[in-house]
């Protein structure tokens, strides 16, 4: 048997491959790795870590565990910083020979040793589901407060749910690998919201089962994460590029238009409220918004003034609203 066939045979034994991207996660990465290693199941599990040339001790911690568990952990070579998009998809590429791909970012943690066994059993018994996700604990590291990330219901998520909202966190997600292998990674536009893309990709191809009553993981919200100091305008521009790509896979044109309108409105609002002086770069955005808008004339005038005058107009309107708020209780007096 040649080496390629041997590698393929070995890879086919892996039921679940866990995609873990990590960058400057010293405070969390050890717990994240241990959460995967503690999984109890009667099938093969492999952890692939895409460490992205961290500037702290993340790499050293990953190397330690990779040496301790060479048959369970694959640490990808990292000689340069790839950025979120490239790092996620190079890690995904190393995972896709398995039957299922699960996700756990380096700053999150699985807290139930039967998480993967439960999810695999559910998907094995329900072939109509392309993916499964569950609720997670939303932990604010700064305030040390916990809350539920998603709604406390169990239901099948429709394509509208997956396109119009963020119903679960990626640390809870497991997907059939055959669906991931269909992604034309070379054709994808650049974006950093990879979890949003995976949600939409599943929505374009099938049904996702969500269980809001199951809590198998913790999502850590902290200032050092990718969402800690985002460039909102850039992220919204990337959302539009992502939607344009997905249009070819989405059969519902009305849903596409609704999601696109919402993305344009958010980009429009972010651009107008952050930048004070009027910029020539805003005008194409304004025309695009008006072309898709379905609001009243009054609302369109408000957005027009917002993009024309920027944040000062936003503050001005906010001040005008305050007297109304103060007078609202008086409306009910005789």
C-alpha atoms as a PDB file:
ATOM      1  CA  UNK A   1       0.000   0.000   0.000  1.00  0.00           C
ATOM      2  CA  UNK A   2       1.505   3.354  -0.986  1.00  0.00           C
ATOM      3  CA  UNK A   3       1.773   6.281   1.426  1.00  0.00           C
ATOM      4  CA  UNK A   4      -1.160   8.225  -0.074  1.00  0.00           C
ATOM      5  CA  UNK A   5      -3.569   5.292   0.296  1.00  0.00           C
ATOM      6  CA  UNK A   6      -2.325   4.665   3.824  1.00  0.00           C
ATOM      7  CA  UNK A   7      -2.902   8.308   4.800  1.00  0.00           C
ATOM      8  CA  UNK A   8      -6.378   8.231   3.246  1.00  0.00           C
ATOM      9  CA  UNK A   9      -7.267   5.060   5.129  1.00  0.00           C
ATOM     10  CA  UNK A  10      -6.058   6.536   8.408  1.00  0.00           C
ATOM     11  CA  UNK A  11      -7.941   9.772   7.786  1.00  0.00           C
ATOM     12  CA  UNK A  12     -11.152   7.900   7.048  1.00  0.00           C
ATOM     13  CA  UNK A  13     -11.086   6.444  10.564  1.00  0.00           C
ATOM     14  CA  UNK A  14     -11.499   9.913  12.069  1.00  0.00           C
ATOM     15  CA  UNK A  15     -15.158  10.469  12.839  1.00  0.00           C
ATOM     16  CA  UNK A  16     -14.826  14.039  14.165  1.00  0.00           C
ATOM     17  CA  UNK A  17     -12.095  16.540  13.477  1.00  0.00           C
ATOM     18  CA  UNK A  18     -12.108  19.602  15.709  1.00  0.00           C
ATOM     19  CA  UNK A  19     -11.121  22.873  14.042  1.00  0.00           C
ATOM     20  CA  UNK A  20      -9.420  25.168  16.561  1.00  0.00           C
ATOM     21  CA  UNK A  21      -7.981  28.522  15.476  1.00  0.00           C
ATOM     22  CA  UNK A  22      -5.833  30.336  18.002  1.00  0.00           C
ATOM     23  CA  UNK A  23      -4.128  33.700  18.226  1.00  0.00           C
ATOM     24  CA  UNK A  24      -2.903  35.304  21.460  1.00  0.00           C
ATOM     25  CA  UNK A  25      -5.091  33.022  23.560  1.00  0.00           C
ATOM     26  CA  UNK A  26      -2.666  32.344  26.405  1.00  0.00           C
ATOM     27  CA  UNK A  27      -5.366  32.835  29.039  1.00  0.00           C
ATOM     28  CA  UNK A  28      -7.732  30.305  27.452  1.00  0.00           C
ATOM     29  CA  UNK A  29      -5.951  27.914  25.072  1.00  0.00           C
ATOM     30  CA  UNK A  30      -5.041  25.261  27.659  1.00  0.00           C
ATOM     31  CA  UNK A  31      -8.654  24.900  28.799  1.00  0.00           C
ATOM     32  CA  UNK A  32      -9.816  24.851  25.171  1.00  0.00           C
ATOM     33  CA  UNK A  33      -7.456  21.960  24.346  1.00  0.00           C
ATOM     34  CA  UNK A  34      -8.367  20.052  27.509  1.00  0.00           C
ATOM     35  CA  UNK A  35     -12.064  20.424  26.686  1.00  0.00           C
ATOM     36  CA  UNK A  36     -11.460  18.511  23.447  1.00  0.00           C
ATOM     37  CA  UNK A  37      -9.122  15.924  24.957  1.00  0.00           C
ATOM     38  CA  UNK A  38     -11.637  15.024  27.690  1.00  0.00           C
ATOM     39  CA  UNK A  39     -14.291  13.951  25.159  1.00  0.00           C
ATOM     40  CA  UNK A  40     -15.514  10.396  25.745  1.00  0.00           C
ATOM     41  CA  UNK A  41     -16.687   8.590  22.621  1.00  0.00           C
ATOM     42  CA  UNK A  42     -16.439   5.256  20.843  1.00  0.00           C
ATOM     43  CA  UNK A  43     -15.003   6.881  17.700  1.00  0.00           C
ATOM     44  CA  UNK A  44     -11.812   8.610  16.610  1.00  0.00           C
ATOM     45  CA  UNK A  45     -11.437  12.330  17.414  1.00  0.00           C
ATOM     46  CA  UNK A  46      -8.651  14.536  16.117  1.00  0.00           C
ATOM     47  CA  UNK A  47      -7.861  18.111  17.108  1.00  0.00           C
ATOM     48  CA  UNK A  48      -6.308  20.353  14.444  1.00  0.00           C
ATOM     49  CA  UNK A  49      -4.937  23.645  15.784  1.00  0.00           C
ATOM     50  CA  UNK A  50      -4.361  26.543  13.435  1.00  0.00           C
ATOM     51  CA  UNK A  51      -2.127  28.677  15.633  1.00  0.00           C
ATOM     52  CA  UNK A  52      -1.525  31.950  13.809  1.00  0.00           C
ATOM     53  CA  UNK A  53       1.936  33.074  14.949  1.00  0.00           C
ATOM     54  CA  UNK A  54       0.860  34.508  18.298  1.00  0.00           C
ATOM     55  CA  UNK A  55       2.950  37.127  20.065  1.00  0.00           C
ATOM     56  CA  UNK A  56       2.302  35.592  23.497  1.00  0.00           C
ATOM     57  CA  UNK A  57       2.790  32.019  24.795  1.00  0.00           C
ATOM     58  CA  UNK A  58      -0.060  30.439  22.824  1.00  0.00           C
ATOM     59  CA  UNK A  59       2.282  28.648  20.415  1.00  0.00           C
ATOM     60  CA  UNK A  60       4.386  27.173  23.203  1.00  0.00           C
ATOM     61  CA  UNK A  61       1.316  25.817  25.007  1.00  0.00           C
ATOM     62  CA  UNK A  62       0.017  24.265  21.775  1.00  0.00           C
ATOM     63  CA  UNK A  63       3.406  22.684  21.060  1.00  0.00           C
ATOM     64  CA  UNK A  64       3.498  21.165  24.538  1.00  0.00           C
ATOM     65  CA  UNK A  65       0.117  19.450  24.119  1.00  0.00           C
ATOM     66  CA  UNK A  66       0.875  18.405  20.541  1.00  0.00           C
ATOM     67  CA  UNK A  67       3.983  16.586  21.792  1.00  0.00           C
ATOM     68  CA  UNK A  68       2.047  15.013  24.675  1.00  0.00           C
ATOM     69  CA  UNK A  69      -0.741  13.766  22.388  1.00  0.00           C
ATOM     70  CA  UNK A  70       0.803  13.226  18.928  1.00  0.00           C
ATOM     71  CA  UNK A  71      -1.953  10.802  17.877  1.00  0.00           C
ATOM     72  CA  UNK A  72      -4.753  13.190  18.811  1.00  0.00           C
ATOM     73  CA  UNK A  73      -3.428  16.678  18.043  1.00  0.00           C
ATOM     74  CA  UNK A  74      -2.129  18.103  14.785  1.00  0.00           C
ATOM     75  CA  UNK A  75      -0.526  21.531  15.168  1.00  0.00           C
ATOM     76  CA  UNK A  76      -0.265  23.341  11.842  1.00  0.00           C
ATOM     77  CA  UNK A  77       3.005  24.992  10.902  1.00  0.00           C
ATOM     78  CA  UNK A  78       2.946  28.707  11.541  1.00  0.00           C
ATOM     79  CA  UNK A  79       5.810  30.838  10.254  1.00  0.00           C
ATOM     80  CA  UNK A  80       3.713  33.946   9.555  1.00  0.00           C
ATOM     81  CA  UNK A  81       0.436  35.513  10.589  1.00  0.00           C
ATOM     82  CA  UNK A  82      -2.282  34.504   8.103  1.00  0.00           C
ATOM     83  CA  UNK A  83      -5.174  36.534   9.499  1.00  0.00           C
ATOM     84  CA  UNK A  84      -8.568  35.173  10.525  1.00  0.00           C
ATOM     85  CA  UNK A  85      -9.920  34.255   7.082  1.00  0.00           C
ATOM     86  CA  UNK A  86      -6.881  32.350   5.791  1.00  0.00           C
ATOM     87  CA  UNK A  87      -6.160  30.751   9.138  1.00  0.00           C
ATOM     88  CA  UNK A  88      -9.705  29.395   9.471  1.00  0.00           C
ATOM     89  CA  UNK A  89      -9.771  27.879   5.999  1.00  0.00           C
ATOM     90  CA  UNK A  90      -6.287  26.368   6.144  1.00  0.00           C
ATOM     91  CA  UNK A  91      -7.336  24.700   9.398  1.00  0.00           C
ATOM     92  CA  UNK A  92     -10.624  23.568   7.845  1.00  0.00           C
ATOM     93  CA  UNK A  93      -8.706  22.082   4.919  1.00  0.00           C
ATOM     94  CA  UNK A  94      -6.709  19.934   7.343  1.00  0.00           C
ATOM     95  CA  UNK A  95      -9.969  18.719   8.929  1.00  0.00           C
ATOM     96  CA  UNK A  96     -12.148  17.865   5.964  1.00  0.00           C
ATOM     97  CA  UNK A  97     -11.188  14.177   5.507  1.00  0.00           C
ATOM     98  CA  UNK A  98     -13.179  13.327   8.638  1.00  0.00           C
ATOM     99  CA  UNK A  99     -16.888  12.510   8.744  1.00  0.00           C
ATOM    100  CA  UNK A 100     -17.792  15.572  10.823  1.00  0.00           C
ATOM    101  CA  UNK A 101     -16.105  18.875  11.634  1.00  0.00           C
ATOM    102  CA  UNK A 102     -16.674  20.549  14.997  1.00  0.00           C
ATOM    103  CA  UNK A 103     -15.488  24.005  16.038  1.00  0.00           C
ATOM    104  CA  UNK A 104     -13.862  25.352  19.168  1.00  0.00           C
ATOM    105  CA  UNK A 105     -11.914  28.590  19.016  1.00  0.00           C
ATOM    106  CA  UNK A 106      -8.834  28.905  21.172  1.00  0.00           C
ATOM    107  CA  UNK A 107     -10.469  31.283  23.631  1.00  0.00           C
ATOM    108  CA  UNK A 108     -13.606  29.183  24.246  1.00  0.00           C
ATOM    109  CA  UNK A 109     -14.091  25.862  26.031  1.00  0.00           C
ATOM    110  CA  UNK A 110     -16.222  22.704  25.964  1.00  0.00           C
ATOM    111  CA  UNK A 111     -17.480  21.765  29.409  1.00  0.00           C
ATOM    112  CA  UNK A 112     -19.295  18.476  28.772  1.00  0.00           C
ATOM    113  CA  UNK A 113     -17.283  15.314  28.103  1.00  0.00           C
ATOM    114  CA  UNK A 114     -20.161  13.800  26.100  1.00  0.00           C
ATOM    115  CA  UNK A 115     -20.693  16.783  23.802  1.00  0.00           C
ATOM    116  CA  UNK A 116     -19.346  15.185  20.611  1.00  0.00           C
ATOM    117  CA  UNK A 117     -20.882  11.796  21.325  1.00  0.00           C
ATOM    118  CA  UNK A 118     -24.288  13.408  21.762  1.00  0.00           C
ATOM    119  CA  UNK A 119     -24.025  15.465  18.571  1.00  0.00           C
ATOM    120  CA  UNK A 120     -22.705  12.615  16.417  1.00  0.00           C
ATOM    121  CA  UNK A 121     -25.419  10.241  17.642  1.00  0.00           C
ATOM    122  CA  UNK A 122     -28.076  12.825  16.797  1.00  0.00           C
ATOM    123  CA  UNK A 123     -26.733  13.429  13.278  1.00  0.00           C
ATOM    124  CA  UNK A 124     -26.258   9.709  12.639  1.00  0.00           C
ATOM    125  CA  UNK A 125     -29.886   9.110  13.552  1.00  0.00           C
ATOM    126  CA  UNK A 126     -31.213  12.102  11.573  1.00  0.00           C
ATOM    127  CA  UNK A 127     -29.760  12.215   8.086  1.00  0.00           C
ATOM    128  CA  UNK A 128     -31.927  15.211   7.143  1.00  0.00           C
ATOM    129  CA  UNK A 129     -29.828  17.477   9.389  1.00  0.00           C
ATOM    130  CA  UNK A 130     -26.648  18.871   7.843  1.00  0.00           C
ATOM    131  CA  UNK A 131     -25.458  20.311  11.136  1.00  0.00           C
ATOM    132  CA  UNK A 132     -26.223  20.594  14.836  1.00  0.00           C
ATOM    133  CA  UNK A 133     -25.699  23.386  17.344  1.00  0.00           C
ATOM    134  CA  UNK A 134     -26.668  24.020  20.950  1.00  0.00           C
ATOM    135  CA  UNK A 135     -26.866  26.836  23.442  1.00  0.00           C
ATOM    136  CA  UNK A 136     -23.745  28.046  25.248  1.00  0.00           C
ATOM    137  CA  UNK A 137     -22.929  30.115  28.298  1.00  0.00           C
ATOM    138  CA  UNK A 138     -22.017  33.681  27.342  1.00  0.00           C
ATOM    139  CA  UNK A 139     -19.321  34.672  29.822  1.00  0.00           C
ATOM    140  CA  UNK A 140     -18.214  38.297  30.011  1.00  0.00           C
ATOM    141  CA  UNK A 141     -14.622  37.959  31.177  1.00  0.00           C
ATOM    142  CA  UNK A 142     -14.420  41.626  32.208  1.00  0.00           C
ATOM    143  CA  UNK A 143     -17.451  41.568  34.514  1.00  0.00           C
ATOM    144  CA  UNK A 144     -17.410  37.804  35.201  1.00  0.00           C
ATOM    145  CA  UNK A 145     -21.130  37.656  34.407  1.00  0.00           C
ATOM    146  CA  UNK A 146     -22.817  34.685  32.735  1.00  0.00           C
ATOM    147  CA  UNK A 147     -25.898  34.637  30.532  1.00  0.00           C
ATOM    148  CA  UNK A 148     -27.484  32.496  27.828  1.00  0.00           C
ATOM    149  CA  UNK A 149     -26.126  33.079  24.339  1.00  0.00           C
ATOM    150  CA  UNK A 150     -29.175  31.784  22.456  1.00  0.00           C
ATOM    151  CA  UNK A 151     -32.884  31.225  22.985  1.00  0.00           C
ATOM    152  CA  UNK A 152     -34.018  28.441  25.302  1.00  0.00           C
ATOM    153  CA  UNK A 153     -35.906  26.422  22.695  1.00  0.00           C
ATOM    154  CA  UNK A 154     -35.203  23.328  20.601  1.00  0.00           C
ATOM    155  CA  UNK A 155     -36.099  23.723  16.936  1.00  0.00           C
ATOM    156  CA  UNK A 156     -35.004  23.294  13.360  1.00  0.00           C
ATOM    157  CA  UNK A 157     -33.445  26.499  12.074  1.00  0.00           C
ATOM    158  CA  UNK A 158     -34.628  27.654   8.676  1.00  0.00           C
ATOM    159  CA  UNK A 159     -32.534  29.395   6.057  1.00  0.00           C
ATOM    160  CA  UNK A 160     -34.136  32.660   7.176  1.00  0.00           C
ATOM    161  CA  UNK A 161     -32.991  32.058  10.770  1.00  0.00           C
ATOM    162  CA  UNK A 162     -29.444  31.384   9.614  1.00  0.00           C
ATOM    163  CA  UNK A 163     -29.298  34.421   7.319  1.00  0.00           C
ATOM    164  CA  UNK A 164     -31.162  37.004   9.395  1.00  0.00           C
ATOM    165  CA  UNK A 165     -29.866  36.311  12.904  1.00  0.00           C
ATOM    166  CA  UNK A 166     -27.017  34.860  14.965  1.00  0.00           C
ATOM    167  CA  UNK A 167     -28.915  32.111  16.833  1.00  0.00           C
ATOM    168  CA  UNK A 168     -25.922  30.230  18.267  1.00  0.00           C
ATOM    169  CA  UNK A 169     -22.174  30.503  18.732  1.00  0.00           C
ATOM    170  CA  UNK A 170     -19.723  28.581  16.562  1.00  0.00           C
ATOM    171  CA  UNK A 171     -18.230  26.803  19.603  1.00  0.00           C
ATOM    172  CA  UNK A 172     -21.415  24.687  19.591  1.00  0.00           C
ATOM    173  CA  UNK A 173     -21.409  23.846  15.884  1.00  0.00           C
ATOM    174  CA  UNK A 174     -20.752  20.493  14.204  1.00  0.00           C
ATOM    175  CA  UNK A 175     -21.195  20.037  10.429  1.00  0.00           C
ATOM    176  CA  UNK A 176     -21.051  17.103   8.045  1.00  0.00           C
ATOM    177  CA  UNK A 177     -17.630  17.316   6.376  1.00  0.00           C
ATOM    178  CA  UNK A 178     -19.038  16.565   2.929  1.00  0.00           C
ATOM    179  CA  UNK A 179     -20.822  19.921   3.085  1.00  0.00           C
ATOM    180  CA  UNK A 180     -17.621  21.733   4.031  1.00  0.00           C
ATOM    181  CA  UNK A 181     -15.745  20.076   1.161  1.00  0.00           C
ATOM    182  CA  UNK A 182     -18.177  21.721  -1.261  1.00  0.00           C
ATOM    183  CA  UNK A 183     -16.988  25.225  -0.328  1.00  0.00           C
ATOM    184  CA  UNK A 184     -15.004  26.755  -3.238  1.00  0.00           C
ATOM    185  CA  UNK A 185     -12.439  28.340  -0.938  1.00  0.00           C
ATOM    186  CA  UNK A 186     -10.432  29.824  -3.810  1.00  0.00           C
ATOM    187  CA  UNK A 187     -13.476  31.826  -4.931  1.00  0.00           C
ATOM    188  CA  UNK A 188     -14.451  33.232  -1.538  1.00  0.00           C
ATOM    189  CA  UNK A 189     -14.200  36.981  -0.910  1.00  0.00           C
ATOM    190  CA  UNK A 190     -12.178  38.021   2.122  1.00  0.00           C
ATOM    191  CA  UNK A 191     -14.099  38.238   5.396  1.00  0.00           C
ATOM    192  CA  UNK A 192     -13.378  37.737   9.086  1.00  0.00           C
ATOM    193  CA  UNK A 193     -16.877  36.672  10.182  1.00  0.00           C
ATOM    194  CA  UNK A 194     -16.281  33.024   9.263  1.00  0.00           C
ATOM    195  CA  UNK A 195     -18.876  31.672  11.703  1.00  0.00           C
ATOM    196  CA  UNK A 196     -21.553  33.766   9.984  1.00  0.00           C
ATOM    197  CA  UNK A 197     -20.482  32.318   6.654  1.00  0.00           C
ATOM    198  CA  UNK A 198     -20.728  28.721   7.915  1.00  0.00           C
ATOM    199  CA  UNK A 199     -24.241  29.391   9.234  1.00  0.00           C
ATOM    200  CA  UNK A 200     -25.342  30.760   5.864  1.00  0.00           C
ATOM    201  CA  UNK A 201     -23.608  27.970   3.960  1.00  0.00           C
ATOM    202  CA  UNK A 202     -25.529  25.364   5.952  1.00  0.00           C
ATOM    203  CA  UNK A 203     -28.740  27.329   5.333  1.00  0.00           C
ATOM    204  CA  UNK A 204     -28.163  27.188   1.591  1.00  0.00           C
ATOM    205  CA  UNK A 205     -27.764  23.406   1.638  1.00  0.00           C
ATOM    206  CA  UNK A 206     -30.038  21.972   4.300  1.00  0.00           C
ATOM    207  CA  UNK A 207     -31.419  22.039   7.817  1.00  0.00           C
ATOM    208  CA  UNK A 208     -29.614  22.739  11.089  1.00  0.00           C
ATOM    209  CA  UNK A 209     -30.951  21.357  14.359  1.00  0.00           C
ATOM    210  CA  UNK A 210     -30.561  23.737  17.299  1.00  0.00           C
ATOM    211  CA  UNK A 211     -31.065  22.745  20.938  1.00  0.00           C
ATOM    212  CA  UNK A 212     -31.384  25.738  23.213  1.00  0.00           C
ATOM    213  CA  UNK A 213     -31.835  23.604  26.303  1.00  0.00           C
ATOM    214  CA  UNK A 214     -28.368  22.023  26.005  1.00  0.00           C
ATOM    215  CA  UNK A 215     -25.307  23.865  27.349  1.00  0.00           C
ATOM    216  CA  UNK A 216     -22.096  22.062  26.411  1.00  0.00           C
ATOM    217  CA  UNK A 217     -19.683  25.000  26.089  1.00  0.00           C
ATOM    218  CA  UNK A 218     -18.668  28.489  27.218  1.00  0.00           C
ATOM    219  CA  UNK A 219     -18.108  31.435  24.902  1.00  0.00           C
ATOM    220  CA  UNK A 220     -15.674  33.931  26.445  1.00  0.00           C
ATOM    221  CA  UNK A 221     -16.363  37.543  25.540  1.00  0.00           C
ATOM    222  CA  UNK A 222     -13.240  39.609  26.125  1.00  0.00           C
ATOM    223  CA  UNK A 223     -11.543  42.724  24.799  1.00  0.00           C
ATOM    224  CA  UNK A 224      -8.720  40.766  23.165  1.00  0.00           C
ATOM    225  CA  UNK A 225     -10.968  38.715  20.886  1.00  0.00           C
ATOM    226  CA  UNK A 226     -11.556  39.310  17.194  1.00  0.00           C
ATOM    227  CA  UNK A 227     -14.838  41.048  18.037  1.00  0.00           C
ATOM    228  CA  UNK A 228     -13.303  43.130  20.810  1.00  0.00           C
ATOM    229  CA  UNK A 229     -12.153  46.077  18.717  1.00  0.00           C
ATOM    230  CA  UNK A 230     -13.775  45.606  15.326  1.00  0.00           C
ATOM    231  CA  UNK A 231     -13.805  47.938  12.367  1.00  0.00           C
ATOM    232  CA  UNK A 232     -17.585  47.935  11.921  1.00  0.00           C
ATOM    233  CA  UNK A 233     -17.537  49.572   8.506  1.00  0.00           C
ATOM    234  CA  UNK A 234     -15.040  47.042   7.150  1.00  0.00           C
ATOM    235  CA  UNK A 235     -17.003  44.121   8.622  1.00  0.00           C
ATOM    236  CA  UNK A 236     -20.245  45.337   7.031  1.00  0.00           C
ATOM    237  CA  UNK A 237     -18.536  45.769   3.667  1.00  0.00           C
ATOM    238  CA  UNK A 238     -17.307  42.188   3.974  1.00  0.00           C
ATOM    239  CA  UNK A 239     -20.840  41.056   4.853  1.00  0.00           C
ATOM    240  CA  UNK A 240     -22.064  42.494   1.536  1.00  0.00           C
ATOM    241  CA  UNK A 241     -19.307  40.695  -0.374  1.00  0.00           C
ATOM    242  CA  UNK A 242     -20.220  37.455   1.428  1.00  0.00           C
ATOM    243  CA  UNK A 243     -23.877  37.878   0.488  1.00  0.00           C
ATOM    244  CA  UNK A 244     -23.015  38.505  -3.153  1.00  0.00           C
ATOM    245  CA  UNK A 245     -21.059  35.244  -3.192  1.00  0.00           C
ATOM    246  CA  UNK A 246     -23.845  33.271  -1.517  1.00  0.00           C
ATOM    247  CA  UNK A 247     -26.508  34.577  -3.891  1.00  0.00           C
ATOM    248  CA  UNK A 248     -25.602  31.839  -6.360  1.00  0.00           C
ATOM    249  CA  UNK A 249     -26.425  29.194  -3.725  1.00  0.00           C
ATOM    250  CA  UNK A 250     -29.555  30.791  -2.264  1.00  0.00           C
ATOM    251  CA  UNK A 251     -32.816  29.970  -4.007  1.00  0.00           C
ATOM    252  CA  UNK A 252     -34.881  32.574  -2.160  1.00  0.00           C
ATOM    253  CA  UNK A 253     -34.376  35.896  -3.984  1.00  0.00           C
ATOM    254  CA  UNK A 254     -36.707  37.796  -1.632  1.00  0.00           C
ATOM    255  CA  UNK A 255     -34.665  36.634   1.372  1.00  0.00           C
ATOM    256  CA  UNK A 256     -31.457  37.657  -0.353  1.00  0.00           C
ATOM    257  CA  UNK A 257     -32.861  41.153  -0.980  1.00  0.00           C
ATOM    258  CA  UNK A 258     -34.058  41.466   2.627  1.00  0.00           C
ATOM    259  CA  UNK A 259     -30.686  40.428   4.060  1.00  0.00           C
ATOM    260  CA  UNK A 260     -28.830  42.661   1.613  1.00  0.00           C
ATOM    261  CA  UNK A 261     -31.024  45.640   2.457  1.00  0.00           C
ATOM    262  CA  UNK A 262     -30.375  45.092   6.150  1.00  0.00           C
ATOM    263  CA  UNK A 263     -26.616  44.830   5.551  1.00  0.00           C
ATOM    264  CA  UNK A 264     -26.630  48.015   3.450  1.00  0.00           C
ATOM    265  CA  UNK A 265     -28.631  49.853   6.106  1.00  0.00           C
ATOM    266  CA  UNK A 266     -26.151  48.796   8.800  1.00  0.00           C
ATOM    267  CA  UNK A 267     -23.174  49.792   6.655  1.00  0.00           C
ATOM    268  CA  UNK A 268     -24.855  53.084   5.806  1.00  0.00           C
ATOM    269  CA  UNK A 269     -25.594  53.826   9.447  1.00  0.00           C
ATOM    270  CA  UNK A 270     -22.090  52.879  10.634  1.00  0.00           C
ATOM    271  CA  UNK A 271     -20.432  55.000   7.971  1.00  0.00           C
ATOM    272  CA  UNK A 272     -22.643  58.003   8.622  1.00  0.00           C
ATOM    273  CA  UNK A 273     -22.533  57.940  12.403  1.00  0.00           C
ATOM    274  CA  UNK A 274     -18.778  57.383  12.719  1.00  0.00           C
ATOM    275  CA  UNK A 275     -17.474  59.809  10.085  1.00  0.00           C
ATOM    276  CA  UNK A 276     -18.345  63.458  10.644  1.00  0.00           C
ATOM    277  CA  UNK A 277     -17.492  65.252   7.385  1.00  0.00           C
ATOM    278  CA  UNK A 278     -19.238  64.257   4.211  1.00  0.00           C
ATOM    279  CA  UNK A 279     -17.084  62.046   2.014  1.00  0.00           C
ATOM    280  CA  UNK A 280     -17.357  61.384  -1.691  1.00  0.00           C
ATOM    281  CA  UNK A 281     -16.996  57.685  -0.883  1.00  0.00           C
ATOM    282  CA  UNK A 282     -20.365  57.780   0.869  1.00  0.00           C
ATOM    283  CA  UNK A 283     -22.420  58.743  -2.155  1.00  0.00           C
ATOM    284  CA  UNK A 284     -22.365  55.348  -3.915  1.00  0.00           C
ATOM    285  CA  UNK A 285     -23.400  53.864  -0.595  1.00  0.00           C
ATOM    286  CA  UNK A 286     -26.260  56.358  -0.293  1.00  0.00           C
ATOM    287  CA  UNK A 287     -27.528  55.602  -3.804  1.00  0.00           C
ATOM    288  CA  UNK A 288     -27.311  51.864  -3.157  1.00  0.00           C
ATOM    289  CA  UNK A 289     -29.290  52.270   0.046  1.00  0.00           C
ATOM    290  CA  UNK A 290     -32.040  54.343  -1.595  1.00  0.00           C
ATOM    291  CA  UNK A 291     -32.270  51.822  -4.442  1.00  0.00           C
ATOM    292  CA  UNK A 292     -33.047  49.016  -2.001  1.00  0.00           C
ATOM    293  CA  UNK A 293     -34.876  51.056   0.641  1.00  0.00           C
ATOM    294  CA  UNK A 294     -38.536  50.448   1.421  1.00  0.00           C
ATOM    295  CA  UNK A 295     -38.981  53.002   4.154  1.00  0.00           C
ATOM    296  CA  UNK A 296     -41.151  56.093   4.415  1.00  0.00           C
ATOM    297  CA  UNK A 297     -40.003  59.366   2.903  1.00  0.00           C
ATOM    298  CA  UNK A 298     -39.458  60.715   6.390  1.00  0.00           C
ATOM    299  CA  UNK A 299     -37.074  57.884   7.261  1.00  0.00           C
ATOM    300  CA  UNK A 300     -35.175  58.271   3.998  1.00  0.00           C
ATOM    301  CA  UNK A 301     -34.744  61.996   4.683  1.00  0.00           C
ATOM    302  CA  UNK A 302     -33.400  61.153   8.132  1.00  0.00           C
ATOM    303  CA  UNK A 303     -30.803  58.761   6.660  1.00  0.00           C
ATOM    304  CA  UNK A 304     -29.952  61.287   3.962  1.00  0.00           C
ATOM    305  CA  UNK A 305     -29.187  63.947   6.606  1.00  0.00           C
ATOM    306  CA  UNK A 306     -27.266  61.394   8.629  1.00  0.00           C
ATOM    307  CA  UNK A 307     -24.899  60.558   5.801  1.00  0.00           C
ATOM    308  CA  UNK A 308     -24.653  64.208   4.735  1.00  0.00           C
ATOM    309  CA  UNK A 309     -23.810  65.681   8.146  1.00  0.00           C
ATOM    310  CA  UNK A 310     -22.505  62.596   9.906  1.00  0.00           C
ATOM    311  CA  UNK A 311     -22.249  62.187  13.662  1.00  0.00           C
ATOM    312  CA  UNK A 312     -23.179  65.795  14.580  1.00  0.00           C
ATOM    313  CA  UNK A 313     -26.648  65.235  13.075  1.00  0.00           C
ATOM    314  CA  UNK A 314     -26.947  61.931  14.921  1.00  0.00           C
ATOM    315  CA  UNK A 315     -26.195  63.692  18.223  1.00  0.00           C
ATOM    316  CA  UNK A 316     -28.558  66.551  17.356  1.00  0.00           C
ATOM    317  CA  UNK A 317     -31.474  64.174  16.778  1.00  0.00           C
ATOM    318  CA  UNK A 318     -30.608  62.301  19.973  1.00  0.00           C
ATOM    319  CA  UNK A 319     -30.825  65.559  21.946  1.00  0.00           C
ATOM    320  CA  UNK A 320     -34.197  66.346  20.366  1.00  0.00           C
ATOM    321  CA  UNK A 321     -35.507  62.973  21.494  1.00  0.00           C
ATOM    322  CA  UNK A 322     -34.679  63.523  25.168  1.00  0.00           C
ATOM    323  CA  UNK A 323     -37.387  66.146  25.895  1.00  0.00           C
ATOM    324  CA  UNK A 324     -39.913  63.791  24.300  1.00  0.00           C
ATOM    325  CA  UNK A 325     -38.799  61.000  26.602  1.00  0.00           C
ATOM    326  CA  UNK A 326     -39.197  63.279  29.612  1.00  0.00           C
ATOM    327  CA  UNK A 327     -42.708  64.285  28.520  1.00  0.00           C
ATOM    328  CA  UNK A 328     -43.904  60.766  27.723  1.00  0.00           C
ATOM    329  CA  UNK A 329     -45.296  60.075  31.253  1.00  0.00           C
ATOM    330  CA  UNK A 330     -47.372  63.271  31.000  1.00  0.00           C
ATOM    331  CA  UNK A 331     -49.288  61.879  28.021  1.00  0.00           C
ATOM    332  CA  UNK A 332     -51.256  59.641  30.361  1.00  0.00           C
ATOM    333  CA  UNK A 333     -52.268  62.424  32.749  1.00  0.00           C
ATOM    334  CA  UNK A 334     -55.833  63.842  32.543  1.00  0.00           C
END
